[in-house]
Amino acid sequence: MSNAIWINAGEVSGDMHGALLVKALRTQNPELDCLGMGGPAMHEQGFTNVFDISELSLMGVGEVLGHLPRIIGLLRRLYVQLKKHRPKAVVLIDAPDFNFFVARMAKRLGIPVFYYICPQVWAWRTGRVKFLREKVDRVLCILPFEKAFLARHGLDAEYVGHPLTSQMPLAELDGIETDPNQLLLLPGSRKKEIETLLPEFMQAAQKVRKTHPDLQVSIIRAPGVDEGFLRSHLPEDIPVEIFEPEDRYERMKKSAAVVAASGTVALETALLGVPTVVAYRMSLLTELVGRLLVKVKHISLPNLILGEEVFPELLQREANAGEIAAKVNNFMDTSHGDETRQKLAELRKMLGEPGAPERAAEYILSHS
């Protein structure tokens, strides 16, 4: 086998986590080649993008079904590349609906498989733990409750800590003061998300502005999202400042409240101690499947980690301007905002010290 590790990331958040892992791997082994499926952040760390994550920008069950022929073709091409390069390990990052196929292919070729960022088997489709036992050599967990959950289902795993504590310069960001008039909107990274959520987010901001006339509204442009596309969904009667992705942590920390699509951003705002309203809408098919299969009470990671609804979660029809505005006002006008910040401080302690990518890299290199 070659002195290479194949890494398969599936989405924008996976690209960010993958970039930190690639950096750690190449620091510990400068001669190592890292290649596979990644995005711009991984490429900046010297990763070879044999495939780009843009080929896998899917959302929801219905959307996946509609792209099956393209996905099958991608898997065939990926298998050819695995046979060609024969890496000494395959590392899968999230995206289980696709990466489980990659795990099968790697095992067929006799390549060790590591899963970094465990699939959310604790939330739904628990039966997938059996697949992890059979096809994955080691799961590297990033959430404190995952190791115990997997152990209850007969699967040993390593808890390496959460990579966000390394990715975010928390000590530096802690020095930034909050502006009580700042509202930040994070409508997601996919076009369908933005088209669905941003109009509701903006109407909510208009409602909040009625009681907070000095309110300033800003948006963080997600990587790969065109600013013109965002502005095409904004009303003309309220000024909105759009910031670049690299400014997101500073803008989050300055904000009195955030309205966000469900995803990694909720954990980012939680680590920064910023009260956040989580809102999300999905296709009818995805909702129906979710109601049947999802086994957890919450969808956002801060709530799952803390075991209670610290961030309000507004789903489907509840993700409307009126409900969102009411939750934002509750954060900005009452002691509820301060209570939320206290609970978020506890969450930060629970996630532990920085160094997750380094610990994951050390484990992968010593076991491959």
Protein backbone atom coordinates (compact mmCIF):
# COMPACT_ATOMS: atom_id res chain seq x y z
CA MET A 1 0.00 0.00 0.00
CA SER A 2 1.10 3.58 -0.64
CA ASN A 3 2.06 6.16 1.96
CA ALA A 4 -1.29 7.83 1.48
CA ILE A 5 -4.52 8.26 3.40
CA TRP A 6 -7.80 8.64 1.56
CA ILE A 7 -10.26 11.01 3.23
CA ASN A 8 -13.89 11.26 2.18
CA ALA A 9 -15.78 14.37 3.30
CA GLY A 10 -19.32 14.99 2.13
CA GLU A 11 -20.37 18.57 2.90
CA VAL A 12 -19.08 22.05 3.77
CA SER A 13 -18.82 21.23 7.49
CA GLY A 14 -16.98 18.01 6.64
CA ASP A 15 -14.53 20.03 4.54
CA MET A 16 -13.77 22.27 7.54
CA HIS A 17 -13.26 19.32 9.88
CA GLY A 18 -11.28 17.51 7.20
CA ALA A 19 -8.95 20.48 6.78
CA LEU A 20 -7.97 20.36 10.45
CA LEU A 21 -7.44 16.61 10.24
CA VAL A 22 -5.27 16.90 7.10
CA LYS A 23 -3.17 19.58 8.79
CA ALA A 24 -2.68 17.36 11.86
CA LEU A 25 -1.87 14.27 9.77
CA ARG A 26 0.73 16.09 7.67
CA THR A 27 2.27 17.74 10.75
CA GLN A 28 2.75 14.34 12.36
CA ASN A 29 3.88 12.71 9.09
CA PRO A 30 5.20 15.31 6.60
CA GLU A 31 5.77 12.63 3.92
CA LEU A 32 2.13 11.55 3.97
CA ASP A 33 -0.09 12.05 0.93
CA CYS A 34 -3.70 12.99 1.72
CA LEU A 35 -6.21 12.64 -1.09
CA GLY A 36 -9.84 11.79 -1.78
CA MET A 37 -13.07 13.79 -1.71
CA GLY A 38 -12.78 17.24 -0.18
CA GLY A 39 -13.38 20.94 -0.64
CA PRO A 40 -11.42 24.19 -0.73
CA ALA A 41 -10.48 24.17 2.97
CA MET A 42 -8.91 20.71 2.71
CA HIS A 43 -7.17 21.68 -0.53
CA GLU A 44 -5.54 24.65 1.22
CA GLN A 45 -3.89 22.19 3.62
CA GLY A 46 -2.25 20.28 0.76
CA PHE A 47 -5.06 17.78 0.20
CA THR A 48 -5.49 16.41 -3.34
CA ASN A 49 -9.14 16.70 -4.38
CA VAL A 50 -9.60 13.64 -6.57
CA PHE A 51 -13.31 14.40 -6.16
CA ASP A 52 -14.91 17.64 -4.98
CA ILE A 53 -17.59 17.77 -2.30
CA SER A 54 -19.76 19.76 -4.72
CA GLU A 55 -20.51 16.41 -6.38
CA LEU A 56 -22.33 15.36 -3.23
CA SER A 57 -24.28 18.46 -2.18
CA LEU A 58 -27.53 16.62 -1.44
CA MET A 59 -30.22 17.18 1.14
CA GLY A 60 -33.01 14.91 2.30
CA VAL A 61 -34.30 11.50 1.29
CA GLY A 62 -36.28 12.69 -1.71
CA GLU A 63 -33.37 14.65 -3.11
CA VAL A 64 -31.02 11.66 -2.81
CA LEU A 65 -33.46 9.41 -4.67
CA GLY A 66 -33.61 11.92 -7.49
CA HIS A 67 -29.84 11.80 -7.95
CA LEU A 68 -29.28 8.03 -7.72
CA PRO A 69 -27.84 7.53 -11.23
CA ARG A 70 -25.26 10.28 -10.63
CA ILE A 71 -24.37 8.88 -7.20
CA ILE A 72 -23.89 5.37 -8.58
CA GLY A 73 -21.59 6.75 -11.26
CA LEU A 74 -19.60 8.68 -8.66
CA LEU A 75 -19.19 5.55 -6.52
CA ARG A 76 -17.89 3.57 -9.49
CA ARG A 77 -15.30 6.25 -10.26
CA LEU A 78 -14.32 6.40 -6.60
CA TYR A 79 -13.78 2.63 -6.45
CA VAL A 80 -11.46 2.84 -9.46
CA GLN A 81 -9.40 5.50 -7.66
CA LEU A 82 -9.21 3.47 -4.44
CA LYS A 83 -7.88 0.48 -6.40
CA LYS A 84 -5.39 2.73 -8.19
CA HIS A 85 -3.96 4.50 -5.12
CA ARG A 86 -4.29 1.69 -2.54
CA PRO A 87 -4.07 4.06 0.48
CA LYS A 88 -3.01 2.64 3.84
CA ALA A 89 -6.24 3.90 5.40
CA VAL A 90 -9.61 5.37 4.47
CA VAL A 91 -11.05 8.05 6.75
CA LEU A 92 -14.75 8.84 6.41
CA ILE A 93 -16.14 12.15 7.65
CA ASP A 94 -19.89 12.23 8.33
CA ALA A 95 -22.17 11.83 5.21
CA PRO A 96 -23.14 8.21 6.07
CA ASP A 97 -25.61 7.70 3.22
CA PHE A 98 -22.69 7.97 0.81
CA ASN A 99 -19.74 7.00 2.98
CA PHE A 100 -21.19 3.64 4.00
CA PHE A 101 -20.76 2.59 0.36
CA VAL A 102 -17.17 3.83 0.48
CA ALA A 103 -16.59 1.78 3.66
CA ARG A 104 -17.81 -1.36 1.89
CA MET A 105 -15.47 -0.74 -1.04
CA ALA A 106 -12.48 -0.10 1.22
CA LYS A 107 -13.07 -3.28 3.23
CA ARG A 108 -13.40 -5.25 -0.01
CA LEU A 109 -9.93 -3.97 -0.92
CA GLY A 110 -8.52 -4.79 2.53
CA ILE A 111 -7.98 -1.14 3.50
CA PRO A 112 -8.48 -0.13 7.19
CA VAL A 113 -11.47 2.18 7.66
CA PHE A 114 -11.80 4.91 10.29
CA TYR A 115 -14.95 6.95 10.81
CA TYR A 116 -14.19 10.46 12.05
CA ILE A 117 -17.34 12.24 13.20
CA CYS A 118 -19.69 9.40 13.97
CA PRO A 119 -22.92 9.03 11.97
CA GLN A 120 -25.86 10.07 14.13
CA VAL A 121 -26.91 6.50 14.89
CA TRP A 122 -28.03 7.69 18.31
CA ALA A 123 -30.67 9.85 16.60
CA TRP A 124 -32.12 7.52 14.01
CA ARG A 125 -31.50 4.23 12.18
CA THR A 126 -29.79 2.70 15.20
CA GLY A 127 -29.44 -0.52 13.22
CA ARG A 128 -26.52 1.11 11.39
CA VAL A 129 -24.36 0.36 14.45
CA LYS A 130 -24.18 -3.22 13.14
CA PHE A 131 -22.73 -1.88 9.89
CA LEU A 132 -20.13 0.14 11.81
CA ARG A 133 -19.12 -2.96 13.78
CA GLU A 134 -18.63 -4.98 10.60
CA LYS A 135 -17.16 -2.47 8.14
CA VAL A 136 -15.33 0.17 10.22
CA ASP A 137 -12.14 -0.55 12.15
CA ARG A 138 -12.62 2.34 14.59
CA VAL A 139 -15.11 5.13 15.15
CA LEU A 140 -13.56 8.38 16.39
CA CYS A 141 -16.29 10.23 18.29
CA ILE A 142 -16.49 14.00 18.72
CA LEU A 143 -19.52 14.24 21.05
CA PRO A 144 -19.24 13.28 24.72
CA PHE A 145 -22.29 11.00 24.79
CA GLU A 146 -21.45 8.98 21.64
CA LYS A 147 -18.82 6.65 23.13
CA ALA A 148 -21.20 5.43 25.84
CA PHE A 149 -24.05 5.01 23.35
CA LEU A 150 -21.91 2.90 21.02
CA ALA A 151 -20.59 0.83 23.94
CA ARG A 152 -24.17 -0.05 24.89
CA HIS A 153 -24.54 -1.44 21.37
CA GLY A 154 -21.36 -3.50 21.50
CA LEU A 155 -19.04 -1.13 19.64
CA ASP A 156 -15.80 0.23 21.09
CA ALA A 157 -14.98 3.78 20.02
CA GLU A 158 -12.51 6.55 20.79
CA TYR A 159 -13.64 9.96 22.07
CA VAL A 160 -11.17 12.51 20.69
CA GLY A 161 -13.04 15.71 21.57
CA HIS A 162 -14.81 18.15 19.28
CA PRO A 163 -12.76 19.74 16.46
CA LEU A 164 -14.57 23.06 16.80
CA THR A 165 -12.69 23.74 20.02
CA SER A 166 -9.51 23.67 17.90
CA GLN A 167 -10.95 25.39 14.85
CA MET A 168 -12.33 28.35 16.76
CA PRO A 169 -9.87 30.76 18.45
CA LEU A 170 -12.06 30.83 21.55
CA ALA A 171 -9.62 32.63 23.87
CA GLU A 172 -9.25 35.45 21.35
CA LEU A 173 -12.97 35.61 20.60
CA ASP A 174 -13.84 35.81 24.29
CA GLY A 175 -12.43 39.34 24.29
CA ILE A 176 -15.03 40.63 21.81
CA GLU A 177 -17.92 42.56 23.34
CA THR A 178 -21.52 41.85 22.41
CA ASP A 179 -23.49 44.57 20.63
CA PRO A 180 -27.07 44.51 22.04
CA ASN A 181 -28.44 45.75 18.70
CA GLN A 182 -26.88 43.08 16.49
CA LEU A 183 -28.99 40.28 15.01
CA LEU A 184 -27.18 37.71 12.88
CA LEU A 185 -28.94 35.49 10.31
CA LEU A 186 -27.43 32.19 9.16
CA PRO A 187 -29.79 30.74 6.52
CA GLY A 188 -27.66 27.73 5.57
CA SER A 189 -25.28 26.71 2.82
CA ARG A 190 -27.62 25.08 0.29
CA LYS A 191 -29.67 27.04 -2.22
CA LYS A 192 -32.87 25.25 -1.30
CA GLU A 193 -32.35 26.04 2.39
CA ILE A 194 -31.70 29.69 1.64
CA GLU A 195 -34.71 30.04 -0.67
CA THR A 196 -36.93 28.53 2.01
CA LEU A 197 -35.55 30.10 5.17
CA LEU A 198 -34.10 33.51 4.32
CA PRO A 199 -37.46 35.20 3.50
CA GLU A 200 -38.85 34.04 6.86
CA PHE A 201 -35.68 35.13 8.67
CA MET A 202 -35.93 38.60 7.12
CA GLN A 203 -39.62 38.99 7.96
CA ALA A 204 -38.76 38.01 11.53
CA ALA A 205 -36.02 40.66 11.61
CA GLN A 206 -38.53 43.26 10.45
CA LYS A 207 -40.85 42.30 13.31
CA VAL A 208 -38.05 42.47 15.88
CA ARG A 209 -37.07 45.88 14.52
CA LYS A 210 -40.49 47.27 15.46
CA THR A 211 -39.56 46.95 19.14
CA HIS A 212 -35.82 47.46 18.57
CA PRO A 213 -35.55 50.36 16.09
CA ASP A 214 -31.74 50.41 16.34
CA LEU A 215 -31.50 46.75 15.32
CA GLN A 216 -28.74 46.00 12.82
CA VAL A 217 -29.11 42.86 10.71
CA SER A 218 -26.24 40.94 9.18
CA ILE A 219 -25.73 37.68 7.31
CA ILE A 220 -22.69 35.44 6.98
CA ARG A 221 -22.24 34.19 3.44
CA ALA A 222 -21.59 30.45 3.56
CA PRO A 223 -18.70 29.13 1.43
CA GLY A 224 -19.86 28.52 -2.12
CA VAL A 225 -22.91 30.79 -1.82
CA ASP A 226 -22.95 33.83 -4.10
CA GLU A 227 -23.66 37.19 -2.44
CA GLY A 228 -25.90 38.16 -5.34
CA PHE A 229 -28.01 35.06 -4.71
CA LEU A 230 -28.43 36.08 -1.07
CA ARG A 231 -29.36 39.66 -1.95
CA SER A 232 -31.97 38.46 -4.44
CA HIS A 233 -33.91 37.12 -1.43
CA LEU A 234 -33.63 40.27 0.70
CA PRO A 235 -36.29 43.00 0.99
CA GLU A 236 -35.33 46.56 0.09
CA ASP A 237 -36.79 48.24 3.18
CA ILE A 238 -34.24 46.95 5.70
CA PRO A 239 -30.45 47.33 5.36
CA VAL A 240 -28.49 44.09 5.64
CA GLU A 241 -24.72 43.74 5.79
CA ILE A 242 -23.29 40.53 4.32
CA PHE A 243 -19.99 39.26 5.71
CA GLU A 244 -17.50 36.76 4.33
CA PRO A 245 -17.19 33.23 5.78
CA GLU A 246 -13.85 34.02 7.44
CA ASP A 247 -15.55 36.75 9.52
CA ARG A 248 -18.24 34.47 10.91
CA TYR A 249 -16.87 33.88 14.41
CA GLU A 250 -16.27 37.55 15.10
CA ARG A 251 -19.76 38.43 13.84
CA MET A 252 -21.33 35.64 15.89
CA LYS A 253 -19.61 36.83 19.07
CA LYS A 254 -20.71 40.43 18.50
CA SER A 255 -24.36 39.44 18.06
CA ALA A 256 -26.98 39.66 20.78
CA ALA A 257 -28.90 36.83 19.12
CA VAL A 258 -28.66 34.55 16.09
CA VAL A 259 -31.26 32.90 13.87
CA ALA A 260 -29.76 29.84 12.21
CA ALA A 261 -30.61 26.90 10.03
CA SER A 262 -30.03 23.63 11.85
CA GLY A 263 -26.45 22.41 11.53
CA THR A 264 -22.92 22.87 12.81
CA VAL A 265 -23.44 26.63 13.18
CA ALA A 266 -25.65 26.04 16.22
CA LEU A 267 -22.72 24.46 18.04
CA GLU A 268 -20.45 27.29 16.92
CA THR A 269 -22.77 29.92 18.38
CA ALA A 270 -23.16 27.80 21.52
CA LEU A 271 -19.40 27.68 22.09
CA LEU A 272 -19.35 31.47 21.75
CA GLY A 273 -22.20 31.81 24.25
CA VAL A 274 -24.63 33.44 21.81
CA PRO A 275 -28.39 32.74 22.25
CA THR A 276 -29.66 31.19 19.04
CA VAL A 277 -33.01 30.33 17.49
CA VAL A 278 -32.77 27.20 15.33
CA ALA A 279 -35.25 27.06 12.46
CA TYR A 280 -35.55 24.49 9.72
CA ARG A 281 -37.83 23.26 6.97
CA MET A 282 -37.42 20.05 5.03
CA SER A 283 -39.23 18.26 2.22
CA LEU A 284 -42.46 16.44 3.08
CA LEU A 285 -40.85 13.05 2.42
CA THR A 286 -37.89 13.83 4.68
CA GLU A 287 -40.28 15.00 7.40
CA LEU A 288 -42.37 11.83 7.18
CA VAL A 289 -39.29 9.61 7.33
CA GLY A 290 -37.97 11.65 10.25
CA ARG A 291 -41.17 11.30 12.24
CA LEU A 292 -41.02 7.54 11.80
CA LEU A 293 -37.33 7.00 12.49
CA VAL A 294 -35.82 9.83 14.56
CA LYS A 295 -35.45 8.81 18.20
CA VAL A 296 -34.21 11.99 19.88
CA LYS A 297 -36.16 14.95 21.24
CA HIS A 298 -33.93 17.66 19.76
CA ILE A 299 -32.29 18.37 16.40
CA SER A 300 -29.57 20.84 17.41
CA LEU A 301 -26.32 19.64 18.96
CA PRO A 302 -26.31 22.09 21.90
CA ASN A 303 -29.69 20.80 23.04
CA LEU A 304 -28.64 17.17 22.55
CA ILE A 305 -25.43 17.62 24.52
CA LEU A 306 -27.14 19.49 27.38
CA GLY A 307 -30.20 17.24 27.36
CA GLU A 308 -32.67 20.14 27.28
CA GLU A 309 -33.98 22.78 24.88
CA VAL A 310 -31.60 25.66 25.48
CA PHE A 311 -31.90 26.84 21.88
CA PRO A 312 -35.53 27.07 20.69
CA GLU A 313 -36.15 24.71 17.78
CA LEU A 314 -38.73 25.76 15.20
CA LEU A 315 -39.43 23.13 12.58
CA GLN A 316 -41.57 23.06 9.46
CA ARG A 317 -44.65 25.32 9.86
CA GLU A 318 -43.32 26.64 13.18
CA ALA A 319 -40.32 28.06 11.30
CA ASN A 320 -42.25 31.21 10.43
CA ALA A 321 -41.49 34.89 10.92
CA GLY A 322 -43.85 35.37 13.87
CA GLU A 323 -42.51 32.45 15.91
CA ILE A 324 -38.89 33.32 15.13
CA ALA A 325 -39.37 36.98 16.10
CA ALA A 326 -41.02 35.99 19.39
CA LYS A 327 -38.08 33.77 20.34
CA VAL A 328 -35.54 36.44 19.39
CA ASN A 329 -37.38 39.05 21.46
CA ASN A 330 -37.41 36.64 24.39
CA PHE A 331 -33.62 36.46 24.24
CA MET A 332 -33.17 40.22 23.82
CA ASP A 333 -35.79 41.55 26.22
CA THR A 334 -35.72 39.21 29.23
CA SER A 335 -33.31 37.50 31.60
CA HIS A 336 -33.72 34.40 29.46
CA GLY A 337 -30.73 35.48 27.37
CA ASP A 338 -28.44 35.58 30.42
CA GLU A 339 -29.73 32.21 31.64
CA THR A 340 -29.01 30.74 28.24
CA ARG A 341 -25.44 32.07 28.27
CA GLN A 342 -24.82 30.40 31.64
CA LYS A 343 -25.94 27.03 30.27
CA LEU A 344 -23.78 27.47 27.19
CA ALA A 345 -20.75 28.00 29.43
CA GLU A 346 -21.42 24.54 30.89
CA LEU A 347 -21.62 23.05 27.40
CA ARG A 348 -18.20 24.46 26.56
CA LYS A 349 -16.71 22.72 29.58
CA MET A 350 -18.34 19.44 28.55
CA LEU A 351 -16.66 19.45 25.12
CA GLY A 352 -13.22 19.56 26.71
CA GLU A 353 -9.86 20.92 25.63
CA PRO A 354 -8.70 21.70 22.06
CA GLY A 355 -6.70 19.08 20.15
CA ALA A 356 -9.33 16.75 18.66
CA PRO A 357 -7.82 16.68 15.14
CA GLU A 358 -4.36 15.96 16.55
CA ARG A 359 -5.68 13.11 18.71
CA ALA A 360 -7.62 11.68 15.76
CA ALA A 361 -4.57 11.92 13.49
CA GLU A 362 -2.35 10.22 16.07
CA TYR A 363 -4.80 7.33 16.39
CA ILE A 364 -5.19 6.89 12.61
CA LEU A 365 -1.43 6.94 11.95
CA SER A 366 -0.64 4.51 14.76
CA HIS A 367 -3.31 2.02 13.65
CA SER A 368 -2.80 2.00 9.88
